[in-house]
């Protein structure tokens, strides 16, 4: 899969999880205060690792 394809999948999944958290809040369910931050950090870390992998493959 290309870098763009993997990036689209990562960001789509993140967007869906954020939407699910917002919907849960609107329905009155309690969302842990740390969950949105963990989701963001996980996405950024995953994106960085994919990018790093492609850079290493190109130069090594």
PDB file of N, CA and C in Angstrom:
ATOM      1  N   UNK A   1       0.845  -1.180   0.000  1.00  0.00           N
ATOM      2  CA  UNK A   1       0.000   0.000   0.000  1.00  0.00           C
ATOM      3  C   UNK A   1       0.891   1.244   0.000  1.00  0.00           C
ATOM      4  N   UNK A   2       0.424   2.262  -0.652  1.00  0.00           N
ATOM      5  CA  UNK A   2       1.232   3.477  -0.735  1.00  0.00           C
ATOM      6  C   UNK A   2       1.164   4.270   0.562  1.00  0.00           C
ATOM      7  N   UNK A   3       2.075   5.196   0.683  1.00  0.00           N
ATOM      8  CA  UNK A   3       2.112   6.058   1.865  1.00  0.00           C
ATOM      9  C   UNK A   3       0.814   6.849   1.996  1.00  0.00           C
ATOM     10  N   UNK A   4       0.316   7.354   0.871  1.00  0.00           N
ATOM     11  CA  UNK A   4      -0.931   8.135   0.910  1.00  0.00           C
ATOM     12  C   UNK A   4      -2.097   7.264   1.357  1.00  0.00           C
ATOM     13  N   UNK A   5      -2.156   6.035   0.875  1.00  0.00           N
ATOM     14  CA  UNK A   5      -3.236   5.127   1.266  1.00  0.00           C
ATOM     15  C   UNK A   5      -3.216   4.826   2.753  1.00  0.00           C
ATOM     16  N   UNK A   6      -2.040   4.590   3.281  1.00  0.00           N
ATOM     17  CA  UNK A   6      -1.935   4.308   4.715  1.00  0.00           C
ATOM     18  C   UNK A   6      -2.290   5.538   5.542  1.00  0.00           C
ATOM     19  N   UNK A   7      -1.871   6.710   5.083  1.00  0.00           N
ATOM     20  CA  UNK A   7      -2.199   7.945   5.804  1.00  0.00           C
ATOM     21  C   UNK A   7      -3.705   8.169   5.820  1.00  0.00           C
ATOM     22  N   UNK A   8      -4.362   7.914   4.690  1.00  0.00           N
ATOM     23  CA  UNK A   8      -5.821   8.085   4.618  1.00  0.00           C
ATOM     24  C   UNK A   8      -6.506   7.145   5.599  1.00  0.00           C
ATOM     25  N   UNK A   9      -6.055   5.901   5.673  1.00  0.00           N
ATOM     26  CA  UNK A   9      -6.661   4.936   6.601  1.00  0.00           C
ATOM     27  C   UNK A   9      -6.473   5.390   8.047  1.00  0.00           C
ATOM     28  N   UNK A  10      -5.266   5.807   8.399  1.00  0.00           N
ATOM     29  CA  UNK A  10      -4.989   6.235   9.779  1.00  0.00           C
ATOM     30  C   UNK A  10      -5.870   7.418  10.159  1.00  0.00           C
ATOM     31  N   UNK A  11      -5.935   8.434   9.284  1.00  0.00           N
ATOM     32  CA  UNK A  11      -6.694   9.640   9.629  1.00  0.00           C
ATOM     33  C   UNK A  11      -8.193   9.386   9.602  1.00  0.00           C
ATOM     34  N   UNK A  12      -8.661   8.461   8.730  1.00  0.00           N
ATOM     35  CA  UNK A  12     -10.089   8.125   8.710  1.00  0.00           C
ATOM     36  C   UNK A  12     -10.488   7.438  10.005  1.00  0.00           C
ATOM     37  N   UNK A  13      -9.689   6.491  10.453  1.00  0.00           N
ATOM     38  CA  UNK A  13      -9.985   5.790  11.707  1.00  0.00           C
ATOM     39  C   UNK A  13      -9.979   6.767  12.878  1.00  0.00           C
ATOM     40  N   UNK A  14      -9.034   7.685  12.881  1.00  0.00           N
ATOM     41  CA  UNK A  14      -8.990   8.689  13.949  1.00  0.00           C
ATOM     42  C   UNK A  14     -10.233   9.560  13.925  1.00  0.00           C
ATOM     43  N   UNK A  15     -10.618  10.003  12.738  1.00  0.00           N
ATOM     44  CA  UNK A  15     -11.818  10.827  12.612  1.00  0.00           C
ATOM     45  C   UNK A  15     -13.049  10.100  13.114  1.00  0.00           C
ATOM     46  N   UNK A  16     -13.175   8.825  12.767  1.00  0.00           N
ATOM     47  CA  UNK A  16     -14.328   8.039  13.221  1.00  0.00           C
ATOM     48  C   UNK A  16     -14.326   7.885  14.733  1.00  0.00           C
ATOM     49  N   UNK A  17     -13.162   7.682  15.325  1.00  0.00           N
ATOM     50  CA  UNK A  17     -13.119   7.521  16.778  1.00  0.00           C
ATOM     51  C   UNK A  17     -13.471   8.826  17.481  1.00  0.00           C
ATOM     52  N   UNK A  18     -13.037   9.957  16.925  1.00  0.00           N
ATOM     53  CA  UNK A  18     -13.387  11.253  17.514  1.00  0.00           C
ATOM     54  C   UNK A  18     -14.888  11.489  17.401  1.00  0.00           C
ATOM     55  N   UNK A  19     -15.474  11.169  16.246  1.00  0.00           N
ATOM     56  CA  UNK A  19     -16.925  11.315  16.064  1.00  0.00           C
ATOM     57  C   UNK A  19     -17.670  10.427  17.047  1.00  0.00           C
ATOM     58  N   UNK A  20     -17.189   9.201  17.238  1.00  0.00           N
ATOM     59  CA  UNK A  20     -17.840   8.288  18.186  1.00  0.00           C
ATOM     60  C   UNK A  20     -17.775   8.841  19.606  1.00  0.00           C
ATOM     61  N   UNK A  21     -16.648   9.445  19.980  1.00  0.00           N
ATOM     62  CA  UNK A  21     -16.536  10.030  21.325  1.00  0.00           C
ATOM     63  C   UNK A  21     -17.496  11.202  21.491  1.00  0.00           C
ATOM     64  N   UNK A  22     -17.597  12.054  20.468  1.00  0.00           N
ATOM     65  CA  UNK A  22     -18.508  13.202  20.544  1.00  0.00           C
ATOM     66  C   UNK A  22     -19.955  12.720  20.647  1.00  0.00           C
ATOM     67  N   UNK A  23     -20.297  11.686  19.872  1.00  0.00           N
ATOM     68  CA  UNK A  23     -21.660  11.149  19.923  1.00  0.00           C
ATOM     69  C   UNK A  23     -21.956  10.574  21.299  1.00  0.00           C
ATOM     70  N   UNK A  24     -20.992   9.889  21.888  1.00  0.00           N
ATOM     71  CA  UNK A  24     -21.187   9.322  23.225  1.00  0.00           C
ATOM     72  C   UNK A  24     -21.405  10.431  24.252  1.00  0.00           C
ATOM     73  N   UNK A  25     -20.676  11.531  24.105  1.00  0.00           N
ATOM     74  CA  UNK A  25     -20.864  12.658  25.022  1.00  0.00           C
ATOM     75  C   UNK A  25     -22.263  13.248  24.883  1.00  0.00           C
ATOM     76  N   UNK A  26     -22.742  13.375  23.640  1.00  0.00           N
ATOM     77  CA  UNK A  26     -24.066  13.955  23.414  1.00  0.00           C
ATOM     78  C   UNK A  26     -25.173  13.058  23.958  1.00  0.00           C
ATOM     79  N   UNK A  27     -24.943  11.748  23.945  1.00  0.00           N
ATOM     80  CA  UNK A  27     -25.956  10.819  24.446  1.00  0.00           C
ATOM     81  C   UNK A  27     -25.907  10.714  25.968  1.00  0.00           C
ATOM     82  N   UNK A  28     -24.985  11.415  26.591  1.00  0.00           N
ATOM     83  CA  UNK A  28     -24.925  11.422  28.044  1.00  0.00           C
ATOM     84  C   UNK A  28     -23.965  10.407  28.629  1.00  0.00           C
ATOM     85  N   UNK A  29     -23.284   9.671  27.776  1.00  0.00           N
ATOM     86  CA  UNK A  29     -22.301   8.712  28.280  1.00  0.00           C
ATOM     87  C   UNK A  29     -21.034   9.475  28.664  1.00  0.00           C
ATOM     88  N   UNK A  30     -20.371   9.015  29.689  1.00  0.00           N
ATOM     89  CA  UNK A  30     -19.151   9.709  30.111  1.00  0.00           C
ATOM     90  C   UNK A  30     -17.957   9.151  29.346  1.00  0.00           C
ATOM     91  N   UNK A  31     -17.197  10.046  28.773  1.00  0.00           N
ATOM     92  CA  UNK A  31     -15.977   9.672  28.065  1.00  0.00           C
ATOM     93  C   UNK A  31     -14.810  10.075  28.958  1.00  0.00           C
ATOM     94  N   UNK A  32     -13.887   9.151  29.234  1.00  0.00           N
ATOM     95  CA  UNK A  32     -12.741   9.512  30.081  1.00  0.00           C
ATOM     96  C   UNK A  32     -12.001  10.719  29.504  1.00  0.00           C
ATOM     97  N   UNK A  33     -11.574  11.617  30.370  1.00  0.00           N
ATOM     98  CA  UNK A  33     -10.943  12.860  29.901  1.00  0.00           C
ATOM     99  C   UNK A  33      -9.640  12.608  29.163  1.00  0.00           C
ATOM    100  N   UNK A  34      -8.983  11.465  29.407  1.00  0.00           N
ATOM    101  CA  UNK A  34      -7.698  11.187  28.766  1.00  0.00           C
ATOM    102  C   UNK A  34      -7.856  10.518  27.403  1.00  0.00           C
ATOM    103  N   UNK A  35      -9.059  10.023  27.086  1.00  0.00           N
ATOM    104  CA  UNK A  35      -9.237   9.244  25.854  1.00  0.00           C
ATOM    105  C   UNK A  35      -8.988  10.057  24.579  1.00  0.00           C
ATOM    106  N   UNK A  36      -9.538  11.276  24.441  1.00  0.00           N
ATOM    107  CA  UNK A  36      -9.247  12.033  23.209  1.00  0.00           C
ATOM    108  C   UNK A  36      -7.759  12.321  23.032  1.00  0.00           C
ATOM    109  N   UNK A  37      -7.075  12.633  24.121  1.00  0.00           N
ATOM    110  CA  UNK A  37      -5.640  12.935  24.033  1.00  0.00           C
ATOM    111  C   UNK A  37      -4.863  11.690  23.616  1.00  0.00           C
ATOM    112  N   UNK A  38      -5.207  10.538  24.191  1.00  0.00           N
ATOM    113  CA  UNK A  38      -4.525   9.284  23.830  1.00  0.00           C
ATOM    114  C   UNK A  38      -4.753   8.969  22.350  1.00  0.00           C
ATOM    115  N   UNK A  39      -5.983   9.197  21.872  1.00  0.00           N
ATOM    116  CA  UNK A  39      -6.289   8.948  20.458  1.00  0.00           C
ATOM    117  C   UNK A  39      -5.425   9.822  19.560  1.00  0.00           C
ATOM    118  N   UNK A  40      -5.306  11.084  19.917  1.00  0.00           N
ATOM    119  CA  UNK A  40      -4.494  12.004  19.120  1.00  0.00           C
ATOM    120  C   UNK A  40      -3.028  11.578  19.115  1.00  0.00           C
ATOM    121  N   UNK A  41      -2.478  11.274  20.283  1.00  0.00           N
ATOM    122  CA  UNK A  41      -1.070  10.876  20.359  1.00  0.00           C
ATOM    123  C   UNK A  41      -0.813   9.578  19.601  1.00  0.00           C
ATOM    124  N   UNK A  42      -1.740   8.636  19.698  1.00  0.00           N
ATOM    125  CA  UNK A  42      -1.587   7.368  18.982  1.00  0.00           C
ATOM    126  C   UNK A  42      -1.562   7.598  17.480  1.00  0.00           C
ATOM    127  N   UNK A  43      -2.447   8.456  16.999  1.00  0.00           N
ATOM    128  CA  UNK A  43      -2.494   8.752  15.566  1.00  0.00           C
ATOM    129  C   UNK A  43      -1.217   9.420  15.094  1.00  0.00           C
ATOM    130  N   UNK A  44      -0.770  10.410  15.833  1.00  0.00           N
ATOM    131  CA  UNK A  44       0.451  11.111  15.431  1.00  0.00           C
ATOM    132  C   UNK A  44       1.657  10.181  15.457  1.00  0.00           C
ATOM    133  N   UNK A  45       1.729   9.323  16.472  1.00  0.00           N
ATOM    134  CA  UNK A  45       2.836   8.372  16.562  1.00  0.00           C
ATOM    135  C   UNK A  45       2.787   7.380  15.407  1.00  0.00           C
ATOM    136  N   UNK A  46       1.594   6.866  15.106  1.00  0.00           N
ATOM    137  CA  UNK A  46       1.442   5.931  13.993  1.00  0.00           C
ATOM    138  C   UNK A  46       1.827   6.561  12.671  1.00  0.00           C
ATOM    139  N   UNK A  47       1.391   7.790  12.455  1.00  0.00           N
ATOM    140  CA  UNK A  47       1.732   8.492  11.217  1.00  0.00           C
ATOM    141  C   UNK A  47       3.239   8.692  11.113  1.00  0.00           C
ATOM    142  N   UNK A  48       3.858   9.083  12.212  1.00  0.00           N
ATOM    143  CA  UNK A  48       5.304   9.303  12.219  1.00  0.00           C
ATOM    144  C   UNK A  48       6.051   8.008  11.917  1.00  0.00           C
ATOM    145  N   UNK A  49       5.604   6.894  12.502  1.00  0.00           N
ATOM    146  CA  UNK A  49       6.291   5.623  12.276  1.00  0.00           C
ATOM    147  C   UNK A  49       6.159   5.163  10.830  1.00  0.00           C
ATOM    148  N   UNK A  50       4.972   5.346  10.221  1.00  0.00           N
ATOM    149  CA  UNK A  50       4.813   5.000   8.808  1.00  0.00           C
ATOM    150  C   UNK A  50       5.734   5.850   7.947  1.00  0.00           C
ATOM    151  N   UNK A  51       5.779   7.146   8.231  1.00  0.00           N
ATOM    152  CA  UNK A  51       6.633   8.036   7.459  1.00  0.00           C
ATOM    153  C   UNK A  51       8.098   7.659   7.631  1.00  0.00           C
ATOM    154  N   UNK A  52       8.493   7.381   8.859  1.00  0.00           N
ATOM    155  CA  UNK A  52       9.872   6.996   9.141  1.00  0.00           C
ATOM    156  C   UNK A  52      10.241   5.709   8.407  1.00  0.00           C
ATOM    157  N   UNK A  53       9.312   4.753   8.366  1.00  0.00           N
ATOM    158  CA  UNK A  53       9.575   3.495   7.673  1.00  0.00           C
ATOM    159  C   UNK A  53       9.845   3.741   6.192  1.00  0.00           C
ATOM    160  N   UNK A  54       9.020   4.583   5.562  1.00  0.00           N
ATOM    161  CA  UNK A  54       9.220   4.852   4.141  1.00  0.00           C
ATOM    162  C   UNK A  54      10.523   5.601   3.887  1.00  0.00           C
ATOM    163  N   UNK A  55      10.861   6.531   4.765  1.00  0.00           N
ATOM    164  CA  UNK A  55      12.115   7.269   4.595  1.00  0.00           C
ATOM    165  C   UNK A  55      13.301   6.317   4.721  1.00  0.00           C
ATOM    166  N   UNK A  56      13.261   5.424   5.708  1.00  0.00           N
ATOM    167  CA  UNK A  56      14.365   4.473   5.888  1.00  0.00           C
ATOM    168  C   UNK A  56      14.481   3.521   4.711  1.00  0.00           C
ATOM    169  N   UNK A  57      13.353   3.056   4.185  1.00  0.00           N
ATOM    170  CA  UNK A  57      13.387   2.132   3.044  1.00  0.00           C
ATOM    171  C   UNK A  57      13.977   2.827   1.822  1.00  0.00           C
ATOM    172  N   UNK A  58      13.654   4.109   1.644  1.00  0.00           N
ATOM    173  CA  UNK A  58      14.178   4.837   0.482  1.00  0.00           C
ATOM    174  C   UNK A  58      15.690   5.036   0.566  1.00  0.00           C
ATOM    175  N   UNK A  59      16.192   5.320   1.767  1.00  0.00           N
ATOM    176  CA  UNK A  59      17.604   5.679   1.898  1.00  0.00           C
ATOM    177  C   UNK A  59      18.512   4.507   2.243  1.00  0.00           C
ATOM    178  N   UNK A  60      17.943   3.374   2.622  1.00  0.00           N
ATOM    179  CA  UNK A  60      18.796   2.230   2.966  1.00  0.00           C
ATOM    180  C   UNK A  60      18.771   1.177   1.891  1.00  0.00           C
TER     181      UNK A  60
END
